[in-house]
Amino acid sequence: MVFRIFFWLIGFGMAVSGGISMIAFLNIMTAGYSFAEYIKFIVDKPISYLLPIGVAILSCSIFYPEKKTDYV
């Protein structure tokens, strides 16, 4: 149970960091770039990959079944 909470917190932090970065990168569109150039720009940035990785870790920590132990 402790590991699931730990991974949930790690995934949440990564997803928030990646999401905020992607929103901050939207400012290049006000400089005259198109949406295709925005996508090309964020694909080149490693910090943009934190959002999908964080969502994947969150999903695994929530939906992955926990082992059942019998103490009898």
C-alpha atoms as a PDB file:
ATOM      1  CA  MET A   1       0.000   0.000   0.000  1.00  0.00           C
ATOM      2  CA  VAL A   2       2.841   2.389   0.813  1.00  0.00           C
ATOM      3  CA  PHE A   3       4.467   1.766  -2.567  1.00  0.00           C
ATOM      4  CA  ARG A   4       1.222   2.530  -4.378  1.00  0.00           C
ATOM      5  CA  ILE A   5       0.915   5.863  -2.579  1.00  0.00           C
ATOM      6  CA  PHE A   6       4.576   6.622  -3.287  1.00  0.00           C
ATOM      7  CA  PHE A   7       4.178   5.888  -7.004  1.00  0.00           C
ATOM      8  CA  TRP A   8       0.924   7.857  -7.089  1.00  0.00           C
ATOM      9  CA  LEU A   9       2.704  10.893  -5.658  1.00  0.00           C
ATOM     10  CA  ILE A  10       5.634  10.508  -8.067  1.00  0.00           C
ATOM     11  CA  GLY A  11       3.280  10.164 -11.039  1.00  0.00           C
ATOM     12  CA  PHE A  12       1.190  13.111  -9.921  1.00  0.00           C
ATOM     13  CA  GLY A  13       4.258  15.321  -9.564  1.00  0.00           C
ATOM     14  CA  MET A  14       5.577  14.339 -12.985  1.00  0.00           C
ATOM     15  CA  ALA A  15       2.188  14.868 -14.639  1.00  0.00           C
ATOM     16  CA  VAL A  16       1.815  18.308 -13.069  1.00  0.00           C
ATOM     17  CA  SER A  17       5.345  19.335 -14.076  1.00  0.00           C
ATOM     18  CA  GLY A  18       4.830  18.182 -17.648  1.00  0.00           C
ATOM     19  CA  GLY A  19       1.379  19.760 -17.919  1.00  0.00           C
ATOM     20  CA  ILE A  20       2.543  23.121 -16.621  1.00  0.00           C
ATOM     21  CA  SER A  21       5.491  23.058 -19.017  1.00  0.00           C
ATOM     22  CA  MET A  22       3.245  22.303 -21.980  1.00  0.00           C
ATOM     23  CA  ILE A  23       0.932  25.142 -21.008  1.00  0.00           C
ATOM     24  CA  ALA A  24       3.896  27.479 -20.603  1.00  0.00           C
ATOM     25  CA  PHE A  25       5.179  26.474 -24.038  1.00  0.00           C
ATOM     26  CA  LEU A  26       1.861  27.669 -25.508  1.00  0.00           C
ATOM     27  CA  ASN A  27       3.337  31.157 -25.314  1.00  0.00           C
ATOM     28  CA  ILE A  28       5.323  30.485 -28.493  1.00  0.00           C
ATOM     29  CA  MET A  29       2.036  30.488 -30.403  1.00  0.00           C
ATOM     30  CA  THR A  30       1.551  34.155 -29.493  1.00  0.00           C
ATOM     31  CA  ALA A  31       4.900  34.836 -31.170  1.00  0.00           C
ATOM     32  CA  GLY A  32       3.450  33.756 -34.509  1.00  0.00           C
ATOM     33  CA  TYR A  33       4.159  30.024 -34.576  1.00  0.00           C
ATOM     34  CA  SER A  34       1.528  27.614 -35.901  1.00  0.00           C
ATOM     35  CA  PHE A  35       0.097  24.652 -33.989  1.00  0.00           C
ATOM     36  CA  ALA A  36       2.226  22.225 -36.037  1.00  0.00           C
ATOM     37  CA  GLU A  37       5.358  24.172 -35.087  1.00  0.00           C
ATOM     38  CA  TYR A  38       4.233  24.094 -31.439  1.00  0.00           C
ATOM     39  CA  ILE A  39       3.919  20.295 -31.585  1.00  0.00           C
ATOM     40  CA  LYS A  40       7.344  20.032 -33.217  1.00  0.00           C
ATOM     41  CA  PHE A  41       8.769  22.314 -30.504  1.00  0.00           C
ATOM     42  CA  ILE A  42       7.402  20.300 -27.573  1.00  0.00           C
ATOM     43  CA  VAL A  43       8.486  16.982 -29.096  1.00  0.00           C
ATOM     44  CA  ASP A  44      12.071  18.258 -29.021  1.00  0.00           C
ATOM     45  CA  LYS A  45      11.889  19.145 -25.304  1.00  0.00           C
ATOM     46  CA  PRO A  46      12.532  16.297 -22.844  1.00  0.00           C
ATOM     47  CA  ILE A  47      10.439  17.939 -20.119  1.00  0.00           C
ATOM     48  CA  SER A  48       7.347  17.485 -22.286  1.00  0.00           C
ATOM     49  CA  TYR A  49       7.559  13.733 -21.834  1.00  0.00           C
ATOM     50  CA  LEU A  50       6.874  14.074 -18.112  1.00  0.00           C
ATOM     51  CA  LEU A  51       3.127  14.418 -18.702  1.00  0.00           C
ATOM     52  CA  PRO A  52       2.554  11.065 -20.456  1.00  0.00           C
ATOM     53  CA  ILE A  53       5.035   9.263 -18.191  1.00  0.00           C
ATOM     54  CA  GLY A  54       3.361  10.716 -15.099  1.00  0.00           C
ATOM     55  CA  VAL A  55      -0.103   9.751 -16.339  1.00  0.00           C
ATOM     56  CA  ALA A  56       1.138   6.219 -17.033  1.00  0.00           C
ATOM     57  CA  ILE A  57       2.604   5.893 -13.520  1.00  0.00           C
ATOM     58  CA  LEU A  58      -0.613   7.293 -12.021  1.00  0.00           C
ATOM     59  CA  SER A  59      -2.699   4.812 -13.985  1.00  0.00           C
ATOM     60  CA  CYS A  60      -0.527   1.884 -12.956  1.00  0.00           C
ATOM     61  CA  SER A  61      -0.591   2.870  -9.302  1.00  0.00           C
ATOM     62  CA  ILE A  62      -4.384   3.178  -9.316  1.00  0.00           C
ATOM     63  CA  PHE A  63      -5.499   0.336 -11.580  1.00  0.00           C
ATOM     64  CA  TYR A  64      -2.798  -2.321 -11.143  1.00  0.00           C
ATOM     65  CA  PRO A  65      -4.233  -5.041  -8.901  1.00  0.00           C
ATOM     66  CA  GLU A  66      -2.681  -5.468  -5.494  1.00  0.00           C
ATOM     67  CA  LYS A  67      -1.489  -8.888  -4.372  1.00  0.00           C
ATOM     68  CA  LYS A  68      -3.785 -10.616  -1.952  1.00  0.00           C
ATOM     69  CA  THR A  69      -2.059 -12.244   0.988  1.00  0.00           C
ATOM     70  CA  ASP A  70      -3.582 -14.847   3.237  1.00  0.00           C
ATOM     71  CA  TYR A  71      -2.545 -14.573   6.839  1.00  0.00           C
ATOM     72  CA  VAL A  72      -4.419 -17.700   7.920  1.00  0.00           C
END
